[in-house]
Amino acid sequence: MELPVEIIRTGSDQVSETGITRNISSGGILFVGEKPMEVDSPVEYVVTLASGNNGVVHLRCMGKVLRLETFPSEESEAPSVVVAVSLERYEFQRFKEKSLSHAEVA
């Protein structure tokens, strides 16, 4: 299932990286991004689950990086990074409008 994902924090560093999920389950996600992360480091991420007439639903998660693989990218010079991340804690966030950032919870 391909869903947008934003990496908010890795370790103690605040970041803003985006990617696309390849797989999602109750145990975590597998996603494709552009920047590698350190295995076993904590990570905070947001998966956008739905958008439409009722607004946007985000799944905000905390977990850790389980593994990663780097592959040449067909679309850019930077390699693609496939990352497996656990899902240890989560909360649903609902927004009334599509344009709200994840910090502006309805």
N, C-alpha and C. Protein backbone atom coordinates (compact mmCIF):
# COMPACT_ATOMS: atom_id res chain seq x y z
N MET A 1 0.84 -1.17 0.00
CA MET A 1 0.00 0.00 0.00
C MET A 1 0.89 1.24 0.00
N GLU A 2 0.73 2.06 -0.98
CA GLU A 2 1.55 3.27 -1.09
C GLU A 2 0.84 4.46 -0.48
N LEU A 3 1.42 4.97 0.61
CA LEU A 3 0.90 6.13 1.32
C LEU A 3 2.04 7.09 1.58
N PRO A 4 1.76 8.39 1.62
CA PRO A 4 2.82 9.35 1.94
C PRO A 4 3.25 9.22 3.40
N VAL A 5 4.56 9.31 3.64
CA VAL A 5 5.10 9.28 4.99
C VAL A 5 6.08 10.44 5.14
N GLU A 6 6.05 11.08 6.30
CA GLU A 6 7.01 12.14 6.62
C GLU A 6 7.77 11.73 7.87
N ILE A 7 9.09 11.78 7.78
CA ILE A 7 9.95 11.51 8.93
C ILE A 7 10.13 12.83 9.66
N ILE A 8 9.74 12.86 10.93
CA ILE A 8 9.78 14.08 11.74
C ILE A 8 11.07 14.18 12.54
N ARG A 9 11.50 13.04 13.08
CA ARG A 9 12.68 13.03 13.95
C ARG A 9 13.40 11.70 13.82
N THR A 10 14.72 11.75 13.75
CA THR A 10 15.55 10.54 13.83
C THR A 10 16.56 10.78 14.95
N GLY A 11 16.62 9.84 15.89
CA GLY A 11 17.48 10.04 17.06
C GLY A 11 17.04 11.30 17.77
N SER A 12 17.97 12.20 18.03
CA SER A 12 17.62 13.47 18.67
C SER A 12 17.53 14.62 17.67
N ASP A 13 17.67 14.31 16.37
CA ASP A 13 17.65 15.34 15.33
C ASP A 13 16.25 15.51 14.74
N GLN A 14 15.78 16.76 14.72
CA GLN A 14 14.52 17.05 14.06
C GLN A 14 14.79 17.16 12.56
N VAL A 15 14.01 16.46 11.75
CA VAL A 15 14.19 16.46 10.30
C VAL A 15 12.83 16.61 9.64
N SER A 16 12.83 16.77 8.34
CA SER A 16 11.60 16.77 7.57
C SER A 16 11.90 16.09 6.24
N GLU A 17 11.80 14.78 6.24
CA GLU A 17 12.05 13.97 5.05
C GLU A 17 10.75 13.31 4.64
N THR A 18 10.57 13.08 3.37
CA THR A 18 9.35 12.43 2.90
C THR A 18 9.69 11.14 2.18
N GLY A 19 8.68 10.29 2.08
CA GLY A 19 8.83 9.02 1.39
C GLY A 19 7.45 8.44 1.07
N ILE A 20 7.46 7.23 0.56
CA ILE A 20 6.23 6.52 0.20
C ILE A 20 6.31 5.13 0.82
N THR A 21 5.23 4.72 1.49
CA THR A 21 5.22 3.38 2.08
C THR A 21 5.13 2.33 0.98
N ARG A 22 5.74 1.20 1.21
CA ARG A 22 5.62 0.02 0.35
C ARG A 22 4.77 -1.03 1.04
N ASN A 23 4.78 -0.99 2.39
CA ASN A 23 4.05 -1.96 3.17
C ASN A 23 3.78 -1.32 4.53
N ILE A 24 2.61 -1.62 5.10
CA ILE A 24 2.28 -1.10 6.42
C ILE A 24 1.51 -2.19 7.17
N SER A 25 1.84 -2.35 8.46
CA SER A 25 1.17 -3.36 9.28
C SER A 25 1.12 -2.85 10.71
N SER A 26 0.54 -3.64 11.60
CA SER A 26 0.47 -3.25 13.01
C SER A 26 1.85 -3.23 13.66
N GLY A 27 2.84 -3.84 13.02
CA GLY A 27 4.19 -3.89 13.57
C GLY A 27 5.12 -2.81 13.06
N GLY A 28 4.74 -2.12 11.96
CA GLY A 28 5.59 -1.08 11.43
C GLY A 28 5.35 -0.83 9.96
N ILE A 29 6.29 -0.11 9.35
CA ILE A 29 6.17 0.23 7.93
C ILE A 29 7.49 -0.06 7.21
N LEU A 30 7.36 -0.25 5.91
CA LEU A 30 8.49 -0.31 5.00
C LEU A 30 8.27 0.83 4.03
N PHE A 31 9.24 1.73 3.90
CA PHE A 31 9.05 2.87 3.00
C PHE A 31 10.31 3.15 2.19
N VAL A 32 10.12 3.89 1.11
CA VAL A 32 11.21 4.31 0.25
C VAL A 32 11.41 5.81 0.45
N GLY A 33 12.65 6.21 0.72
CA GLY A 33 13.01 7.61 0.88
C GLY A 33 14.31 7.87 0.15
N GLU A 34 14.92 9.01 0.49
CA GLU A 34 16.17 9.37 -0.18
C GLU A 34 17.36 9.42 0.76
N LYS A 35 17.13 9.50 2.08
CA LYS A 35 18.25 9.65 3.01
C LYS A 35 18.33 8.44 3.94
N PRO A 36 19.54 7.90 4.11
CA PRO A 36 19.70 6.77 5.03
C PRO A 36 19.54 7.21 6.48
N MET A 37 19.19 6.25 7.32
CA MET A 37 19.05 6.47 8.76
C MET A 37 19.87 5.41 9.48
N GLU A 38 20.21 5.68 10.70
CA GLU A 38 21.01 4.75 11.48
C GLU A 38 20.12 3.63 12.03
N VAL A 39 20.52 2.37 11.78
CA VAL A 39 19.79 1.22 12.29
C VAL A 39 19.79 1.26 13.82
N ASP A 40 18.67 0.91 14.43
CA ASP A 40 18.42 0.91 15.87
C ASP A 40 18.17 2.30 16.43
N SER A 41 18.19 3.35 15.61
CA SER A 41 17.92 4.69 16.13
C SER A 41 16.41 4.91 16.24
N PRO A 42 15.98 5.69 17.24
CA PRO A 42 14.56 6.01 17.35
C PRO A 42 14.13 6.92 16.20
N VAL A 43 12.87 6.79 15.82
CA VAL A 43 12.35 7.60 14.72
C VAL A 43 10.89 7.95 15.00
N GLU A 44 10.53 9.17 14.63
CA GLU A 44 9.14 9.61 14.71
C GLU A 44 8.69 9.90 13.29
N TYR A 45 7.52 9.39 12.91
CA TYR A 45 7.05 9.55 11.55
C TYR A 45 5.54 9.69 11.50
N VAL A 46 5.05 10.26 10.40
CA VAL A 46 3.62 10.49 10.20
C VAL A 46 3.22 9.90 8.86
N VAL A 47 2.22 9.02 8.89
CA VAL A 47 1.67 8.42 7.67
C VAL A 47 0.32 9.07 7.41
N THR A 48 0.10 9.59 6.21
CA THR A 48 -1.19 10.16 5.84
C THR A 48 -2.08 9.03 5.34
N LEU A 49 -3.15 8.77 6.10
CA LEU A 49 -4.02 7.63 5.79
C LEU A 49 -5.17 7.98 4.88
N ALA A 50 -5.77 9.14 5.04
CA ALA A 50 -6.94 9.48 4.25
C ALA A 50 -7.05 10.98 4.08
N SER A 51 -7.58 11.37 2.97
CA SER A 51 -7.95 12.76 2.76
C SER A 51 -9.17 12.76 1.87
N GLY A 52 -10.00 13.72 2.05
CA GLY A 52 -11.23 13.77 1.28
C GLY A 52 -12.18 14.77 1.88
N ASN A 53 -13.46 14.50 1.78
CA ASN A 53 -14.48 15.43 2.27
C ASN A 53 -14.38 15.66 3.77
N ASN A 54 -13.91 14.68 4.52
CA ASN A 54 -13.82 14.79 5.97
C ASN A 54 -12.47 15.30 6.44
N GLY A 55 -11.60 15.73 5.54
CA GLY A 55 -10.29 16.24 5.92
C GLY A 55 -9.22 15.16 5.82
N VAL A 56 -8.18 15.34 6.61
CA VAL A 56 -7.00 14.48 6.56
C VAL A 56 -6.88 13.71 7.87
N VAL A 57 -6.46 12.44 7.79
CA VAL A 57 -6.17 11.64 8.97
C VAL A 57 -4.71 11.23 8.90
N HIS A 58 -3.96 11.61 9.93
CA HIS A 58 -2.56 11.22 10.04
C HIS A 58 -2.40 10.19 11.14
N LEU A 59 -1.50 9.26 10.93
CA LEU A 59 -1.09 8.31 11.95
C LEU A 59 0.31 8.72 12.38
N ARG A 60 0.43 9.31 13.57
CA ARG A 60 1.72 9.77 14.08
C ARG A 60 2.32 8.65 14.91
N CYS A 61 3.53 8.23 14.58
CA CYS A 61 4.12 7.02 15.17
C CYS A 61 5.51 7.28 15.74
N MET A 62 5.85 6.45 16.72
CA MET A 62 7.20 6.37 17.26
C MET A 62 7.65 4.93 17.10
N GLY A 63 8.90 4.75 16.72
CA GLY A 63 9.45 3.41 16.56
C GLY A 63 10.95 3.48 16.47
N LYS A 64 11.55 2.46 15.85
CA LYS A 64 12.99 2.50 15.63
C LYS A 64 13.30 1.89 14.28
N VAL A 65 14.43 2.29 13.73
CA VAL A 65 14.87 1.79 12.43
C VAL A 65 15.34 0.36 12.60
N LEU A 66 14.72 -0.56 11.87
CA LEU A 66 15.07 -1.98 11.98
C LEU A 66 16.11 -2.39 10.95
N ARG A 67 15.97 -1.90 9.72
CA ARG A 67 16.96 -2.21 8.67
C ARG A 67 16.79 -1.22 7.53
N LEU A 68 17.81 -1.15 6.67
CA LEU A 68 17.71 -0.33 5.47
C LEU A 68 18.57 -0.91 4.37
N GLU A 69 18.17 -0.62 3.15
CA GLU A 69 18.91 -1.03 1.96
C GLU A 69 18.95 0.16 1.01
N THR A 70 20.07 0.34 0.33
CA THR A 70 20.24 1.43 -0.62
C THR A 70 20.27 0.87 -2.04
N PHE A 71 19.52 1.51 -2.94
CA PHE A 71 19.44 1.09 -4.34
C PHE A 71 19.64 2.30 -5.24
N PRO A 72 20.21 2.09 -6.43
CA PRO A 72 20.29 3.19 -7.39
C PRO A 72 18.88 3.65 -7.76
N SER A 73 18.70 4.95 -7.88
CA SER A 73 17.40 5.50 -8.24
C SER A 73 17.32 5.74 -9.74
N GLU A 74 16.18 5.39 -10.33
CA GLU A 74 15.97 5.64 -11.75
C GLU A 74 15.55 7.08 -12.01
N GLU A 75 15.01 7.76 -10.98
CA GLU A 75 14.44 9.09 -11.16
C GLU A 75 15.39 10.23 -10.80
N SER A 76 16.42 9.97 -10.00
CA SER A 76 17.33 11.04 -9.61
C SER A 76 18.73 10.47 -9.42
N GLU A 77 19.68 11.38 -9.21
CA GLU A 77 21.06 10.95 -9.00
C GLU A 77 21.26 10.37 -7.60
N ALA A 78 20.44 10.80 -6.64
CA ALA A 78 20.55 10.28 -5.28
C ALA A 78 19.98 8.86 -5.23
N PRO A 79 20.61 7.97 -4.48
CA PRO A 79 20.09 6.61 -4.39
C PRO A 79 18.79 6.57 -3.58
N SER A 80 17.96 5.58 -3.86
CA SER A 80 16.76 5.34 -3.06
C SER A 80 17.14 4.50 -1.86
N VAL A 81 16.50 4.78 -0.74
CA VAL A 81 16.76 4.05 0.49
C VAL A 81 15.44 3.40 0.92
N VAL A 82 15.46 2.08 1.08
CA VAL A 82 14.30 1.35 1.57
C VAL A 82 14.54 1.09 3.05
N VAL A 83 13.59 1.56 3.89
CA VAL A 83 13.77 1.53 5.34
C VAL A 83 12.61 0.79 6.00
N ALA A 84 12.93 -0.13 6.90
CA ALA A 84 11.92 -0.81 7.74
C ALA A 84 11.97 -0.16 9.12
N VAL A 85 10.80 0.30 9.58
CA VAL A 85 10.69 1.00 10.86
C VAL A 85 9.60 0.34 11.69
N SER A 86 9.88 0.11 12.97
CA SER A 86 8.86 -0.49 13.85
C SER A 86 7.80 0.55 14.21
N LEU A 87 6.67 0.08 14.69
CA LEU A 87 5.59 0.93 15.18
C LEU A 87 5.38 0.55 16.65
N GLU A 88 5.91 1.37 17.55
CA GLU A 88 5.85 1.06 18.97
C GLU A 88 4.77 1.86 19.70
N ARG A 89 4.56 3.10 19.29
CA ARG A 89 3.48 3.94 19.83
C ARG A 89 2.88 4.72 18.68
N TYR A 90 1.59 5.04 18.79
CA TYR A 90 0.95 5.80 17.72
C TYR A 90 -0.24 6.57 18.25
N GLU A 91 -0.66 7.57 17.48
CA GLU A 91 -1.90 8.30 17.74
C GLU A 91 -2.47 8.76 16.40
N PHE A 92 -3.78 8.78 16.32
CA PHE A 92 -4.45 9.31 15.14
C PHE A 92 -4.67 10.79 15.33
N GLN A 93 -4.43 11.56 14.26
CA GLN A 93 -4.67 13.00 14.26
C GLN A 93 -5.58 13.32 13.09
N ARG A 94 -6.67 14.03 13.37
CA ARG A 94 -7.63 14.38 12.32
C ARG A 94 -7.61 15.88 12.11
N PHE A 95 -7.71 16.29 10.85
CA PHE A 95 -7.67 17.69 10.47
C PHE A 95 -8.91 18.01 9.65
N LYS A 96 -9.44 19.21 9.86
CA LYS A 96 -10.64 19.60 9.14
C LYS A 96 -10.34 20.01 7.70
N GLU A 97 -9.13 20.52 7.44
CA GLU A 97 -8.77 20.96 6.10
C GLU A 97 -7.50 20.28 5.65
N LYS A 98 -7.33 20.08 4.36
CA LYS A 98 -6.15 19.42 3.80
C LYS A 98 -4.88 20.22 4.02
N SER A 99 -4.97 21.52 4.09
CA SER A 99 -3.78 22.36 4.11
C SER A 99 -3.15 22.52 5.48
N LEU A 100 -3.73 21.96 6.52
CA LEU A 100 -3.16 22.12 7.86
C LEU A 100 -1.90 21.29 8.01
N SER A 101 -0.93 21.82 8.75
CA SER A 101 0.26 21.02 9.05
C SER A 101 -0.08 20.06 10.17
N HIS A 102 0.78 19.06 10.39
CA HIS A 102 0.51 18.04 11.42
C HIS A 102 0.53 18.64 12.83
N ALA A 103 1.04 19.86 13.00
CA ALA A 103 1.08 20.47 14.31
C ALA A 103 -0.26 21.12 14.69
N GLU A 104 -1.15 21.29 13.72
CA GLU A 104 -2.43 21.97 13.97
C GLU A 104 -3.56 20.95 14.02
N VAL A 105 -3.68 20.28 15.12
CA VAL A 105 -4.67 19.21 15.27
C VAL A 105 -6.05 19.82 15.51
N ALA A 106 -7.06 19.25 14.85
CA ALA A 106 -8.44 19.74 15.03
C ALA A 106 -9.03 19.22 16.32
